[in-house]
Structure formats: structure tokens, C-alpha cells
Amino acid sequence: MSDNEKTAPLQVGLTLLQNNEGGNNWGPVMAGTVLTVLPILILFLFLQRQMIKGLTAGAVKS
């Protein structure tokens, strides 16, 4: 594994995992996908109110 693969983003790592497994072993790929999306989803759920406030505040015409 080269340094580029070690420092690659998670999405690239998932693609490499799929390519290394021959594309037939979806279990590890789906587990990696869930682990990649889960922190982003949790962060969104905690900050949902602030995000909506920011979006609506920017839409108000003064």
C-alpha cells in the first residue's frame, strides 16, 4: 500500500476496497459505507436547527 492510499479520503478507500475484493464482496464495502456516513448523519442531526436557521436567515430580504 502506497502513501497515497494511506492518506486517501474515505470514499476513495471504499472504492479501493471494492476493487481489491473483485467487486463481489459487498459486506465490507457496505460496512465501510455505513461507518463513513454515520458521523456525518449524527453531526447533521445535532446541528439541524442551526443549519435551518442559517438557511432561512439568508433568505430574508431586508
N, C-alpha and C. Protein backbone atom coordinates (compact mmCIF):
# COMPACT_ATOMS: atom_id res chain seq x y z
N MET A 1 0.86 -1.18 0.00
CA MET A 1 0.00 0.00 0.00
C MET A 1 0.90 1.24 0.00
N SER A 2 0.66 2.13 -0.92
CA SER A 2 1.49 3.33 -1.01
C SER A 2 0.98 4.41 -0.05
N ASP A 3 1.76 5.47 0.09
CA ASP A 3 1.36 6.57 0.97
C ASP A 3 0.08 7.23 0.49
N ASN A 4 -0.15 7.26 -0.81
CA ASN A 4 -1.37 7.87 -1.33
C ASN A 4 -2.61 7.11 -0.88
N GLU A 5 -2.53 5.81 -0.82
CA GLU A 5 -3.67 5.01 -0.37
C GLU A 5 -3.89 5.16 1.13
N LYS A 6 -2.82 5.37 1.88
CA LYS A 6 -2.95 5.53 3.33
C LYS A 6 -3.60 6.85 3.70
N THR A 7 -3.39 7.87 2.89
CA THR A 7 -3.92 9.19 3.20
C THR A 7 -5.11 9.57 2.33
N ALA A 8 -5.66 8.62 1.63
CA ALA A 8 -6.79 8.90 0.74
C ALA A 8 -8.06 9.15 1.55
N PRO A 9 -9.01 9.93 1.01
CA PRO A 9 -10.30 10.12 1.69
C PRO A 9 -11.05 8.79 1.80
N LEU A 10 -12.03 8.76 2.69
CA LEU A 10 -12.76 7.51 2.92
C LEU A 10 -13.45 7.00 1.66
N GLN A 11 -13.99 7.90 0.85
CA GLN A 11 -14.68 7.48 -0.36
C GLN A 11 -13.73 6.76 -1.32
N VAL A 12 -12.51 7.26 -1.43
CA VAL A 12 -11.51 6.61 -2.29
C VAL A 12 -11.14 5.26 -1.69
N GLY A 13 -11.02 5.20 -0.38
CA GLY A 13 -10.71 3.94 0.29
C GLY A 13 -11.79 2.90 0.06
N LEU A 14 -13.04 3.31 0.05
CA LEU A 14 -14.13 2.37 -0.21
C LEU A 14 -14.06 1.84 -1.64
N THR A 15 -13.71 2.71 -2.57
CA THR A 15 -13.57 2.28 -3.96
C THR A 15 -12.41 1.30 -4.10
N LEU A 16 -11.30 1.59 -3.42
CA LEU A 16 -10.17 0.67 -3.45
C LEU A 16 -10.52 -0.66 -2.82
N LEU A 17 -11.30 -0.64 -1.74
CA LEU A 17 -11.73 -1.88 -1.09
C LEU A 17 -12.58 -2.71 -2.04
N GLN A 18 -13.48 -2.05 -2.74
CA GLN A 18 -14.34 -2.76 -3.69
C GLN A 18 -13.50 -3.34 -4.83
N ASN A 19 -12.56 -2.58 -5.34
CA ASN A 19 -11.72 -3.06 -6.43
C ASN A 19 -10.79 -4.18 -5.98
N ASN A 20 -10.29 -4.10 -4.75
CA ASN A 20 -9.39 -5.14 -4.23
C ASN A 20 -10.13 -6.45 -3.99
N GLU A 21 -11.39 -6.36 -3.66
CA GLU A 21 -12.16 -7.57 -3.37
C GLU A 21 -12.77 -8.18 -4.64
N GLY A 22 -12.52 -7.59 -5.77
CA GLY A 22 -13.07 -8.12 -7.01
C GLY A 22 -14.48 -7.64 -7.29
N GLY A 23 -15.04 -6.80 -6.45
CA GLY A 23 -16.37 -6.25 -6.68
C GLY A 23 -17.51 -7.17 -6.28
N ASN A 24 -17.22 -8.37 -5.78
CA ASN A 24 -18.27 -9.31 -5.44
C ASN A 24 -18.57 -9.38 -3.95
N ASN A 25 -17.67 -8.87 -3.13
CA ASN A 25 -17.83 -8.96 -1.68
C ASN A 25 -18.39 -7.65 -1.15
N TRP A 26 -19.70 -7.52 -1.11
CA TRP A 26 -20.34 -6.26 -0.75
C TRP A 26 -20.43 -6.04 0.74
N GLY A 27 -20.22 -7.05 1.56
CA GLY A 27 -20.31 -6.89 3.02
C GLY A 27 -19.34 -5.85 3.56
N PRO A 28 -18.04 -5.99 3.32
CA PRO A 28 -17.10 -4.99 3.81
C PRO A 28 -17.32 -3.60 3.21
N VAL A 29 -17.73 -3.56 1.95
CA VAL A 29 -17.97 -2.26 1.30
C VAL A 29 -19.16 -1.56 1.96
N MET A 30 -20.23 -2.27 2.22
CA MET A 30 -21.40 -1.65 2.85
C MET A 30 -21.12 -1.29 4.30
N ALA A 31 -20.34 -2.10 5.01
CA ALA A 31 -19.98 -1.76 6.38
C ALA A 31 -19.14 -0.48 6.40
N GLY A 32 -18.20 -0.37 5.47
CA GLY A 32 -17.40 0.85 5.37
C GLY A 32 -18.24 2.06 5.01
N THR A 33 -19.24 1.86 4.16
CA THR A 33 -20.13 2.96 3.78
C THR A 33 -20.92 3.46 4.98
N VAL A 34 -21.44 2.54 5.78
CA VAL A 34 -22.20 2.93 6.98
C VAL A 34 -21.29 3.68 7.94
N LEU A 35 -20.08 3.19 8.14
CA LEU A 35 -19.16 3.86 9.06
C LEU A 35 -18.71 5.22 8.53
N THR A 36 -18.74 5.40 7.21
CA THR A 36 -18.38 6.69 6.62
C THR A 36 -19.51 7.70 6.77
N VAL A 37 -20.75 7.26 6.59
CA VAL A 37 -21.90 8.16 6.59
C VAL A 37 -22.39 8.46 8.01
N LEU A 38 -22.22 7.53 8.92
CA LEU A 38 -22.77 7.67 10.27
C LEU A 38 -22.32 8.93 11.01
N PRO A 39 -21.03 9.29 11.06
CA PRO A 39 -20.64 10.52 11.77
C PRO A 39 -21.24 11.78 11.14
N ILE A 40 -21.33 11.80 9.81
CA ILE A 40 -21.91 12.96 9.13
C ILE A 40 -23.39 13.08 9.47
N LEU A 41 -24.10 11.95 9.49
CA LEU A 41 -25.52 11.96 9.81
C LEU A 41 -25.75 12.40 11.26
N ILE A 42 -24.95 11.92 12.19
CA ILE A 42 -25.09 12.31 13.59
C ILE A 42 -24.83 13.81 13.75
N LEU A 43 -23.80 14.31 13.10
CA LEU A 43 -23.49 15.74 13.15
C LEU A 43 -24.64 16.57 12.59
N PHE A 44 -25.21 16.13 11.49
CA PHE A 44 -26.35 16.85 10.91
C PHE A 44 -27.54 16.85 11.87
N LEU A 45 -27.83 15.72 12.49
CA LEU A 45 -28.98 15.66 13.40
C LEU A 45 -28.80 16.59 14.60
N PHE A 46 -27.57 16.71 15.12
CA PHE A 46 -27.32 17.61 16.24
C PHE A 46 -27.39 19.08 15.83
N LEU A 47 -26.97 19.39 14.62
CA LEU A 47 -26.89 20.78 14.19
C LEU A 47 -28.01 21.18 13.23
N GLN A 48 -29.04 20.36 13.14
CA GLN A 48 -30.12 20.59 12.18
C GLN A 48 -30.81 21.94 12.40
N ARG A 49 -31.11 22.29 13.62
CA ARG A 49 -31.80 23.56 13.89
C ARG A 49 -30.96 24.76 13.47
N GLN A 50 -29.66 24.72 13.79
CA GLN A 50 -28.79 25.83 13.42
C GLN A 50 -28.65 25.94 11.91
N MET A 51 -28.61 24.81 11.22
CA MET A 51 -28.50 24.84 9.77
C MET A 51 -29.74 25.42 9.13
N ILE A 52 -30.91 25.04 9.64
CA ILE A 52 -32.17 25.57 9.10
C ILE A 52 -32.28 27.07 9.38
N LYS A 53 -31.88 27.49 10.59
CA LYS A 53 -31.90 28.92 10.92
C LYS A 53 -31.00 29.70 10.01
N GLY A 54 -29.81 29.19 9.72
CA GLY A 54 -28.89 29.86 8.84
C GLY A 54 -29.41 29.96 7.42
N LEU A 55 -30.06 28.90 6.95
CA LEU A 55 -30.61 28.92 5.60
C LEU A 55 -31.76 29.90 5.48
N THR A 56 -32.63 29.92 6.48
CA THR A 56 -33.78 30.83 6.40
C THR A 56 -33.37 32.28 6.67
N ALA A 57 -32.35 32.50 7.49
CA ALA A 57 -31.89 33.88 7.75
C ALA A 57 -31.28 34.49 6.49
N GLY A 58 -30.64 33.68 5.69
CA GLY A 58 -30.05 34.17 4.46
C GLY A 58 -31.08 34.45 3.37
N ALA A 59 -32.28 33.91 3.53
CA ALA A 59 -33.32 34.08 2.52
C ALA A 59 -34.20 35.29 2.79
N VAL A 60 -34.05 35.92 3.97
CA VAL A 60 -34.89 37.06 4.34
C VAL A 60 -34.38 38.30 3.60
N LYS A 61 -35.31 38.96 2.94
CA LYS A 61 -34.96 40.18 2.21
C LYS A 61 -35.25 41.39 3.11
N SER A 62 -34.25 42.27 3.27
CA SER A 62 -34.46 43.42 4.14
C SER A 62 -34.64 44.69 3.38
